Amino acid sequence: MNPHRRHLLLAGALLPMAAGAQEALRLGLTPYLSPAALLAAYRPLREHLERQFGQAVETYTARDFRAMTDTIRRAEVDIALMPAHLARIAVADWRWAPLAGTLASTPVLVLVRGAGPVRSVADLRGRPVGMLDLLSLSAAVGVRWLDEQGLGGPGGAEVVTTPSMNSALIALERDELAAVVATANQMASLPAQVPTGQRRLASIENIRALVFAARPGTADDTARRWRQALLAFEPDTSKPLTVSNTRLVPLGANELEAQEPYAAFLRRQLANGR
């Protein structure tokens, strides 16, 4: 396996399989939460897929969005959960097959400490604003918003990338960041120990939440079986609605075309080695 990819989980004991059964299915998760939080959030889906397939499912993530993008480009996992703008590139440029969508949309928010000093957008000038890796869709939205507010570039806000939303909110609580750009889904997915009490400074726009796709070369009948298994997942209605806890929906390649403006931004970031 690629050394840049962090192996999070080799799924428990192998389920009983007939001789000649397929090797474990590899499920890749984009790293928007800490590894432990991702494992916990997607454990129900992993276990569901194991029951559906009668085989083990290995769950992977990466140290950052660049490493995950490289993993997807090299098709090192069978099914990947990825941001919609990356899925547009994966489908259009790298021949991945769309499988299923999660939430139709989630708002991108700018959050500040409830009792902190930031009371207006102008207060962010010269101060650090945290967000996920610039290859993430929420960060692409956040960077564009800062530009629109006249806070991009020299003399504006300082963009600080964080390894996960968990760490971003901890840094906000410690006053190491003046604000954090996050999606409502990311906030709803956080473990209980992450600080709460943030105040919404701005709501930027709604974006398509994460989507599932199958690696290039997947046989049509295999992709169909994977799609059916994903669509059969039953969320836990006693828990918040998040991308990891929602009924999945069919996703066609044409539904990703609307992501092309942000896909173009991502292509530029990749071309610049970011």
Protein backbone atom coordinates (compact mmCIF):
# COMPACT_ATOMS: atom_id res chain seq x y z
CA MET A 1 0.00 0.00 0.00
CA ASN A 2 1.14 3.55 -0.60
CA PRO A 3 3.10 4.86 2.44
CA HIS A 4 1.25 8.18 2.24
CA ARG A 5 -2.03 6.47 3.05
CA ARG A 6 -2.78 5.72 6.70
CA HIS A 7 -4.24 2.26 7.26
CA LEU A 8 -6.99 2.87 9.77
CA LEU A 9 -8.66 -0.47 10.07
CA LEU A 10 -8.40 -4.05 8.94
CA ALA A 11 -11.98 -5.01 9.56
CA GLY A 12 -12.12 -7.39 12.51
CA ALA A 13 -12.18 -11.10 11.93
CA LEU A 14 -12.92 -12.18 8.40
CA LEU A 15 -16.50 -13.25 7.86
CA PRO A 16 -17.05 -16.85 6.78
CA MET A 17 -16.46 -17.12 3.04
CA ALA A 18 -16.52 -19.91 0.52
CA ALA A 19 -13.25 -21.03 -1.03
CA GLY A 20 -12.12 -18.64 -3.72
CA ALA A 21 -14.04 -15.69 -2.27
CA GLN A 22 -12.85 -12.19 -3.09
CA GLU A 23 -10.24 -10.43 -1.00
CA ALA A 24 -11.28 -7.59 1.29
CA LEU A 25 -12.97 -4.59 -0.28
CA ARG A 26 -11.05 -1.35 0.30
CA LEU A 27 -13.12 1.66 1.34
CA GLY A 28 -11.33 5.04 1.29
CA LEU A 29 -12.56 7.95 3.40
CA THR A 30 -11.60 11.58 2.83
CA PRO A 31 -9.88 12.93 6.00
CA TYR A 32 -12.20 15.65 7.27
CA LEU A 33 -12.26 14.32 10.84
CA SER A 34 -9.54 12.78 12.98
CA PRO A 35 -8.84 9.09 12.18
CA ALA A 36 -10.55 7.89 15.35
CA ALA A 37 -13.64 9.98 14.63
CA LEU A 38 -13.80 8.73 11.04
CA LEU A 39 -13.57 5.13 12.21
CA ALA A 40 -16.41 5.62 14.65
CA ALA A 41 -18.59 7.52 12.18
CA TYR A 42 -18.31 4.97 9.36
CA ARG A 43 -18.28 1.78 11.38
CA PRO A 44 -22.03 1.17 10.82
CA LEU A 45 -21.60 1.53 7.05
CA ARG A 46 -18.55 -0.75 7.03
CA GLU A 47 -20.40 -3.42 8.98
CA HIS A 48 -23.42 -3.07 6.69
CA LEU A 49 -21.24 -3.63 3.62
CA GLU A 50 -19.60 -6.67 5.22
CA ARG A 51 -23.04 -8.18 5.81
CA GLN A 52 -24.11 -7.39 2.25
CA PHE A 53 -20.99 -8.84 0.64
CA GLY A 54 -20.07 -11.63 3.05
CA GLN A 55 -16.48 -10.42 3.01
CA ALA A 56 -14.23 -8.14 5.00
CA VAL A 57 -14.15 -4.40 4.32
CA GLU A 58 -10.93 -2.51 5.06
CA THR A 59 -11.31 1.18 5.82
CA TYR A 60 -8.58 3.62 4.81
CA THR A 61 -7.95 7.32 5.04
CA ALA A 62 -4.94 9.53 4.36
CA ARG A 63 -2.78 11.99 6.27
CA ASP A 64 -4.25 14.87 4.21
CA PHE A 65 -6.36 15.72 1.19
CA ARG A 66 -3.39 15.68 -1.18
CA ALA A 67 -2.50 12.13 -0.20
CA MET A 68 -6.14 11.08 -0.53
CA THR A 69 -6.34 12.71 -3.95
CA ASP A 70 -3.22 10.80 -5.01
CA THR A 71 -4.75 7.59 -3.68
CA ILE A 72 -7.87 8.19 -5.78
CA ARG A 73 -5.92 9.17 -8.87
CA ARG A 74 -3.91 5.93 -8.59
CA ALA A 75 -7.11 3.93 -7.88
CA GLU A 76 -5.67 2.32 -4.73
CA VAL A 77 -9.07 1.78 -3.11
CA ASP A 78 -12.18 0.10 -4.51
CA ILE A 79 -14.76 2.61 -3.28
CA ALA A 80 -13.93 6.15 -2.23
CA LEU A 81 -15.92 8.72 -0.31
CA MET A 82 -14.78 12.08 -1.65
CA PRO A 83 -15.76 15.75 -1.95
CA ALA A 84 -18.07 16.47 -4.87
CA HIS A 85 -15.55 18.63 -6.76
CA LEU A 86 -12.94 15.86 -6.52
CA ALA A 87 -15.58 13.36 -7.62
CA ARG A 88 -16.18 15.51 -10.70
CA ILE A 89 -12.49 15.19 -11.60
CA ALA A 90 -12.35 11.50 -10.68
CA VAL A 91 -15.33 10.71 -12.92
CA ALA A 92 -14.54 13.08 -15.80
CA ASP A 93 -10.74 12.72 -15.91
CA TRP A 94 -9.82 9.46 -14.15
CA ARG A 95 -12.78 7.25 -15.18
CA TRP A 96 -14.21 6.53 -11.75
CA ALA A 97 -17.88 5.50 -11.70
CA PRO A 98 -20.39 7.41 -9.54
CA LEU A 99 -22.15 5.20 -7.03
CA ALA A 100 -24.17 7.14 -4.46
CA GLY A 101 -24.65 10.53 -2.88
CA THR A 102 -24.98 11.42 0.77
CA LEU A 103 -26.65 14.69 1.79
CA ALA A 104 -27.95 16.78 -1.11
CA SER A 105 -26.37 19.86 0.43
CA THR A 106 -24.72 21.23 3.56
CA PRO A 107 -24.08 24.90 4.38
CA VAL A 108 -20.52 26.22 4.72
CA LEU A 109 -20.26 28.32 7.87
CA VAL A 110 -17.76 30.76 9.36
CA LEU A 111 -17.61 30.12 13.10
CA VAL A 112 -16.01 32.15 15.89
CA ARG A 113 -15.75 31.75 19.65
CA GLY A 114 -19.00 32.65 21.31
CA ALA A 115 -17.32 34.97 23.81
CA GLY A 116 -14.41 35.86 21.56
CA PRO A 117 -13.40 39.27 20.17
CA VAL A 118 -14.55 38.73 16.56
CA ARG A 119 -17.90 40.46 16.09
CA SER A 120 -17.85 41.30 12.40
CA VAL A 121 -16.24 40.06 9.20
CA ALA A 122 -13.90 43.08 9.26
CA ASP A 123 -12.46 41.83 12.56
CA LEU A 124 -10.84 38.95 10.67
CA ARG A 125 -8.36 41.21 8.92
CA GLY A 126 -4.83 40.23 9.87
CA ARG A 127 -6.04 37.29 11.92
CA PRO A 128 -5.79 33.52 11.29
CA VAL A 129 -8.80 31.73 9.80
CA GLY A 130 -8.69 27.95 10.00
CA MET A 131 -10.05 25.57 7.40
CA LEU A 132 -9.37 22.12 6.04
CA ASP A 133 -6.76 21.51 3.35
CA LEU A 134 -7.07 23.86 0.36
CA LEU A 135 -7.94 20.81 -1.77
CA SER A 136 -11.17 20.38 0.21
CA LEU A 137 -14.43 21.80 -1.11
CA SER A 138 -15.20 23.70 2.09
CA ALA A 139 -11.79 25.39 1.94
CA ALA A 140 -12.30 26.33 -1.71
CA VAL A 141 -15.56 28.00 -0.69
CA GLY A 142 -13.88 29.68 2.28
CA VAL A 143 -10.99 31.08 0.24
CA ARG A 144 -13.37 32.51 -2.35
CA TRP A 145 -15.48 34.07 0.41
CA LEU A 146 -12.45 35.76 1.95
CA ASP A 147 -11.58 37.19 -1.48
CA GLU A 148 -15.14 38.49 -1.88
CA GLN A 149 -14.91 40.18 1.54
CA GLY A 150 -11.66 41.91 0.56
CA LEU A 151 -9.75 39.70 3.00
CA GLY A 152 -7.79 37.59 0.53
CA GLY A 153 -4.10 38.03 -0.16
CA PRO A 154 -1.61 40.31 1.64
CA GLY A 155 -3.16 42.47 4.32
CA GLY A 156 -6.22 40.26 4.59
CA ALA A 157 -6.95 37.29 6.81
CA GLU A 158 -4.32 34.59 7.21
CA VAL A 159 -5.51 31.22 5.90
CA VAL A 160 -4.38 28.39 8.19
CA THR A 161 -5.01 24.81 7.12
CA THR A 162 -5.76 22.24 9.81
CA PRO A 163 -5.48 18.43 9.66
CA SER A 164 -9.07 17.88 10.80
CA MET A 165 -12.12 19.77 11.94
CA ASN A 166 -11.52 18.41 15.45
CA SER A 167 -8.15 20.17 15.66
CA ALA A 168 -9.52 23.36 14.06
CA LEU A 169 -12.16 23.80 16.75
CA ILE A 170 -9.71 23.03 19.54
CA ALA A 171 -7.42 25.74 18.13
CA LEU A 172 -10.37 28.12 17.96
CA GLU A 173 -11.18 27.46 21.61
CA ARG A 174 -7.55 28.19 22.54
CA ASP A 175 -7.72 31.48 20.61
CA GLU A 176 -5.07 30.23 18.19
CA LEU A 177 -7.56 30.89 15.38
CA ALA A 178 -9.94 33.81 15.02
CA ALA A 179 -12.47 31.84 12.98
CA VAL A 180 -13.02 28.43 11.41
CA VAL A 181 -14.65 27.59 8.08
CA ALA A 182 -16.69 24.41 8.50
CA THR A 183 -19.73 22.70 7.05
CA ALA A 184 -22.81 21.99 9.12
CA ASN A 185 -22.23 18.29 8.39
CA GLN A 186 -18.71 18.43 9.80
CA MET A 187 -20.00 20.07 12.96
CA ALA A 188 -22.74 17.46 13.38
CA SER A 189 -20.16 14.67 12.91
CA LEU A 190 -17.79 15.75 15.68
CA PRO A 191 -17.19 13.57 18.76
CA ALA A 192 -18.57 14.78 22.06
CA GLN A 193 -15.21 15.87 23.49
CA VAL A 194 -14.67 18.59 20.88
CA PRO A 195 -15.39 22.09 22.28
CA THR A 196 -18.81 23.56 21.51
CA GLY A 197 -20.33 27.01 21.92
CA GLN A 198 -19.13 28.53 18.66
CA ARG A 199 -21.05 31.46 17.18
CA ARG A 200 -21.99 31.71 13.51
CA LEU A 201 -20.36 34.76 11.96
CA ALA A 202 -21.53 34.02 8.41
CA SER A 203 -23.23 31.37 6.31
CA ILE A 204 -21.52 31.32 2.92
CA GLU A 205 -23.34 28.88 0.64
CA ASN A 206 -24.69 25.36 0.40
CA ILE A 207 -22.47 22.75 -1.18
CA ARG A 208 -23.03 19.17 -2.22
CA ALA A 209 -21.90 16.81 0.51
CA LEU A 210 -19.49 13.89 0.03
CA VAL A 211 -20.21 11.22 -2.59
CA PHE A 212 -19.18 7.62 -3.25
CA ALA A 213 -17.52 6.41 -6.46
CA ALA A 214 -16.01 3.14 -7.71
CA ARG A 215 -12.47 2.79 -9.02
CA PRO A 216 -11.79 2.68 -12.78
CA GLY A 217 -12.09 -0.73 -14.38
CA THR A 218 -14.83 -1.92 -12.01
CA ALA A 219 -17.09 -4.31 -13.91
CA ASP A 220 -20.60 -3.01 -14.48
CA ASP A 221 -22.21 -5.82 -12.50
CA THR A 222 -19.80 -5.26 -9.60
CA ALA A 223 -20.50 -1.52 -9.57
CA ARG A 224 -24.21 -2.29 -9.66
CA ARG A 225 -23.85 -4.61 -6.66
CA TRP A 226 -21.85 -2.00 -4.74
CA ARG A 227 -24.41 0.66 -5.57
CA GLN A 228 -27.30 -1.50 -4.40
CA ALA A 229 -25.50 -2.26 -1.14
CA LEU A 230 -24.85 1.43 -0.46
CA LEU A 231 -28.45 2.36 -1.25
CA ALA A 232 -29.67 -0.33 1.17
CA PHE A 233 -27.86 1.27 4.14
CA GLU A 234 -30.25 2.19 6.96
CA PRO A 235 -29.21 5.21 9.06
CA ASP A 236 -29.70 5.36 12.81
CA THR A 237 -32.66 7.71 13.24
CA SER A 238 -31.73 8.34 16.89
CA LYS A 239 -28.51 10.08 15.80
CA PRO A 240 -27.93 13.37 13.92
CA LEU A 241 -28.28 13.38 10.15
CA THR A 242 -24.74 13.43 8.70
CA VAL A 243 -22.98 12.11 5.61
CA SER A 244 -22.09 8.97 7.59
CA ASN A 245 -25.61 8.57 8.96
CA THR A 246 -28.03 9.21 6.13
CA ARG A 247 -29.93 7.24 3.55
CA LEU A 248 -27.78 7.20 0.43
CA VAL A 249 -29.22 8.17 -2.94
CA PRO A 250 -28.40 7.32 -6.58
CA LEU A 251 -25.78 9.55 -8.17
CA GLY A 252 -25.35 10.08 -11.89
CA ALA A 253 -22.27 11.48 -13.62
CA ASN A 254 -24.27 14.46 -14.91
CA GLU A 255 -25.12 15.48 -11.33
CA LEU A 256 -21.47 16.30 -10.76
CA GLU A 257 -21.24 18.70 -13.71
CA ALA A 258 -22.40 21.57 -11.49
CA GLN A 259 -19.17 21.10 -9.50
CA GLU A 260 -17.00 22.11 -12.46
CA PRO A 261 -16.17 25.65 -11.17
CA TYR A 262 -14.75 24.21 -7.95
CA ALA A 263 -13.23 21.30 -9.87
CA ALA A 264 -11.35 23.88 -11.95
CA PHE A 265 -10.07 25.47 -8.72
CA LEU A 266 -8.95 22.03 -7.53
CA ARG A 267 -7.18 21.30 -10.81
CA ARG A 268 -5.21 24.52 -10.40
CA GLN A 269 -4.25 23.60 -6.85
CA LEU A 270 -3.06 20.18 -8.00
CA ALA A 271 -1.12 21.67 -10.91
CA ASN A 272 0.63 24.01 -8.47
CA GLY A 273 1.64 21.06 -6.30
CA ARG A 274 -0.61 22.02 -3.41
